[in-house]
Amino acid sequence: MPNKYNRVLATNYAIQYALEPNKKYKFYELINGNGGDCTNFVSQCLRAGGAPMDYNNSRPWWYDVRGKSSICWAVANSLFWYLKTNQSLNRNFIKGLEVEDRNELEIGDLIFYENYGKVIFHAAIITSFIEEYGIIEPRISQHSYNQLNETYKKSYDYKKAHFLKIIL
């Protein structure tokens, strides 16, 4: 099992496949404004950065060649809690440490979006930064809607953005 998350590999993957999805993976279409491919894409990026599959019984994170995946691989709320739980339990798998200070973020870290019903509904990966009015702001790449290096604030209508520092 790798002992370090490779942010460059994760980010390069995100940049390569942000606008044109990788055909080796199932693409989850947006249906009536619901669902979509955001978390599947973020999971692909984590995997490209060296995150090993996790086949544990209680909260697995995996994808197989037949296009099947665990819920934590494909659903934003589930991936968010998977990463945070791994951090709190110090599991030997990919983890997410929630940080408030955006200055702690790096490429390859994640942003999860919470709606007004307090549900995590969207995930994106940080692929660059931009200075706006003297403040460094993360830029994201994502699916559903496919975007490359977009300012994270312009992504969706949301109540709160959760910043997760990725650790392996």
Protein backbone atom coordinates (compact mmCIF):
# COMPACT_ATOMS: atom_id res chain seq x y z
CA MET A 1 0.00 0.00 0.00
CA PRO A 2 1.47 3.42 -0.88
CA ASN A 3 2.28 5.61 2.06
CA LYS A 4 1.87 9.01 0.42
CA TYR A 5 -0.85 10.69 -1.60
CA ASN A 6 0.60 11.99 -4.86
CA ARG A 7 -1.15 15.33 -5.34
CA VAL A 8 0.48 15.95 -8.71
CA LEU A 9 -0.78 12.66 -10.17
CA ALA A 10 -4.28 13.26 -8.77
CA THR A 11 -4.34 16.80 -10.15
CA ASN A 12 -2.94 15.81 -13.54
CA TYR A 13 -5.67 13.18 -13.82
CA ALA A 14 -8.32 15.75 -12.91
CA ILE A 15 -7.03 18.21 -15.50
CA GLN A 16 -6.87 15.52 -18.19
CA TYR A 17 -10.40 14.20 -17.59
CA ALA A 18 -12.34 17.20 -16.25
CA LEU A 19 -13.94 18.10 -19.57
CA GLU A 20 -13.79 14.74 -21.36
CA PRO A 21 -14.44 11.86 -18.93
CA ASN A 22 -12.19 8.80 -18.90
CA LYS A 23 -13.98 6.14 -20.95
CA LYS A 24 -12.53 3.39 -18.73
CA TYR A 25 -15.01 4.45 -16.04
CA LYS A 26 -18.79 4.56 -16.02
CA PHE A 27 -20.12 8.11 -16.37
CA TYR A 28 -23.11 8.90 -14.15
CA GLU A 29 -25.46 11.18 -16.04
CA LEU A 30 -27.26 14.07 -14.38
CA ILE A 31 -30.97 13.16 -14.39
CA ASN A 32 -33.53 15.91 -13.73
CA GLY A 33 -30.87 17.89 -11.91
CA ASN A 34 -30.03 14.98 -9.58
CA GLY A 35 -27.14 12.58 -9.26
CA GLY A 36 -24.30 13.07 -11.65
CA ASP A 37 -20.66 12.09 -11.89
CA CYS A 38 -18.97 14.48 -9.44
CA THR A 39 -18.01 11.97 -6.75
CA ASN A 40 -17.12 9.22 -9.22
CA PHE A 41 -14.73 11.71 -10.84
CA VAL A 42 -13.22 12.80 -7.49
CA SER A 43 -12.75 9.13 -6.52
CA GLN A 44 -10.95 8.50 -9.82
CA CYS A 45 -8.63 11.40 -9.00
CA LEU A 46 -7.93 10.02 -5.51
CA ARG A 47 -7.18 6.62 -7.03
CA ALA A 48 -4.84 8.21 -9.60
CA GLY A 49 -3.06 9.86 -6.66
CA GLY A 50 -2.35 6.49 -5.09
CA ALA A 51 -5.36 5.81 -2.85
CA PRO A 52 -5.82 2.05 -2.50
CA MET A 53 -9.22 0.43 -2.84
CA ASP A 54 -10.86 -0.32 0.50
CA TYR A 55 -13.04 -3.43 0.65
CA ASN A 56 -13.98 -3.27 4.35
CA ASN A 57 -17.49 -4.41 5.22
CA SER A 58 -18.77 -1.34 7.05
CA ARG A 59 -17.79 1.48 4.70
CA PRO A 60 -16.02 0.30 1.53
CA TRP A 61 -14.49 2.49 -1.20
CA TRP A 62 -13.94 0.67 -4.49
CA TYR A 63 -14.63 0.51 -8.22
CA ASP A 64 -14.42 -2.53 -10.51
CA VAL A 65 -13.91 -2.99 -14.24
CA ARG A 66 -17.57 -3.90 -14.79
CA GLY A 67 -18.57 -0.33 -13.86
CA LYS A 68 -19.81 -1.20 -10.39
CA SER A 69 -18.75 0.79 -7.35
CA SER A 70 -19.33 1.19 -3.66
CA ILE A 71 -21.60 3.96 -2.42
CA CYS A 72 -18.61 5.78 -0.91
CA TRP A 73 -16.98 5.84 -4.36
CA ALA A 74 -19.95 7.43 -6.11
CA VAL A 75 -22.06 9.47 -3.63
CA ALA A 76 -20.78 12.82 -2.30
CA ASN A 77 -22.21 12.55 1.22
CA SER A 78 -20.83 9.01 1.57
CA LEU A 79 -17.33 9.89 0.32
CA PHE A 80 -17.22 12.93 2.63
CA TRP A 81 -18.02 10.80 5.70
CA TYR A 82 -15.77 7.95 4.53
CA LEU A 83 -12.77 10.31 4.39
CA LYS A 84 -13.60 12.02 7.70
CA THR A 85 -14.24 8.69 9.47
CA ASN A 86 -10.93 7.30 8.20
CA GLN A 87 -9.24 10.39 9.64
CA SER A 88 -10.93 10.17 13.03
CA LEU A 89 -10.18 6.42 13.31
CA ASN A 90 -6.68 6.87 11.82
CA ARG A 91 -7.35 4.04 9.36
CA ASN A 92 -4.55 3.06 7.01
CA PHE A 93 -6.48 4.31 3.97
CA ILE A 94 -7.09 7.67 2.30
CA LYS A 95 -8.29 10.24 4.84
CA GLY A 96 -9.77 13.73 4.85
CA LEU A 97 -8.96 16.26 7.55
CA GLU A 98 -11.46 19.12 7.50
CA VAL A 99 -9.73 22.52 7.69
CA GLU A 100 -11.21 26.00 7.97
CA ASP A 101 -8.17 27.93 6.73
CA ARG A 102 -8.02 27.84 2.91
CA ASN A 103 -4.30 28.64 3.15
CA GLU A 104 -3.75 25.06 4.36
CA LEU A 105 -5.13 23.65 1.11
CA GLU A 106 -3.03 22.28 -1.73
CA ILE A 107 -3.73 20.91 -5.18
CA GLY A 108 -5.32 17.48 -4.84
CA ASP A 109 -7.37 18.45 -1.78
CA LEU A 110 -11.16 18.32 -2.00
CA ILE A 111 -14.12 20.63 -1.53
CA PHE A 112 -17.52 19.24 -0.58
CA TYR A 113 -20.63 21.39 -0.85
CA GLU A 114 -23.44 21.32 1.72
CA ASN A 115 -26.94 22.42 0.75
CA TYR A 116 -29.45 24.32 2.88
CA GLY A 117 -30.88 21.00 4.11
CA LYS A 118 -27.46 20.19 5.66
CA VAL A 119 -26.71 17.45 3.12
CA ILE A 120 -23.39 17.12 1.28
CA PHE A 121 -24.48 17.08 -2.36
CA HIS A 122 -21.38 17.79 -4.45
CA ALA A 123 -17.63 17.09 -4.54
CA ALA A 124 -14.78 18.69 -6.47
CA ILE A 125 -10.97 18.54 -6.51
CA ILE A 126 -8.65 21.53 -6.19
CA THR A 127 -6.49 21.76 -9.31
CA SER A 128 -5.03 25.27 -9.01
CA PHE A 129 -5.17 28.55 -7.12
CA ILE A 130 -5.79 32.14 -8.16
CA GLU A 131 -5.26 35.41 -6.37
CA GLU A 132 -8.43 37.51 -6.16
CA TYR A 133 -8.30 40.87 -4.39
CA GLY A 134 -5.16 39.85 -2.52
CA ILE A 135 -6.64 36.54 -1.33
CA ILE A 136 -5.53 33.16 -2.64
CA GLU A 137 -8.59 31.15 -3.70
CA PRO A 138 -8.75 27.51 -4.76
CA ARG A 139 -9.91 26.62 -8.23
CA ILE A 140 -11.64 23.33 -8.82
CA SER A 141 -12.17 20.79 -11.53
CA GLN A 142 -15.33 18.71 -11.46
CA HIS A 143 -17.99 16.72 -13.24
CA SER A 144 -21.71 17.44 -13.35
CA TYR A 145 -21.18 20.04 -14.62
CA ASN A 146 -17.82 19.36 -16.24
CA GLN A 147 -15.48 22.23 -15.46
CA LEU A 148 -11.73 22.80 -15.45
CA ASN A 149 -10.07 25.22 -13.00
CA GLU A 150 -13.26 27.06 -12.02
CA THR A 151 -13.37 29.33 -8.98
CA TYR A 152 -14.86 27.15 -6.25
CA LYS A 153 -17.40 29.80 -5.19
CA LYS A 154 -19.08 29.77 -8.60
CA SER A 155 -19.75 26.05 -8.63
CA TYR A 156 -23.26 25.68 -7.18
CA ASP A 157 -25.73 27.36 -4.85
CA TYR A 158 -24.70 26.02 -1.46
CA LYS A 159 -24.81 26.82 2.25
CA LYS A 160 -21.27 25.76 3.19
CA ALA A 161 -18.09 24.55 1.50
CA HIS A 162 -16.17 21.91 3.45
CA PHE A 163 -12.43 21.87 2.75
CA LEU A 164 -10.80 18.45 3.16
CA LYS A 165 -7.04 18.07 3.35
CA ILE A 166 -6.26 14.67 1.85
CA ILE A 167 -3.85 12.41 3.70
CA LEU A 168 -2.70 8.87 2.94
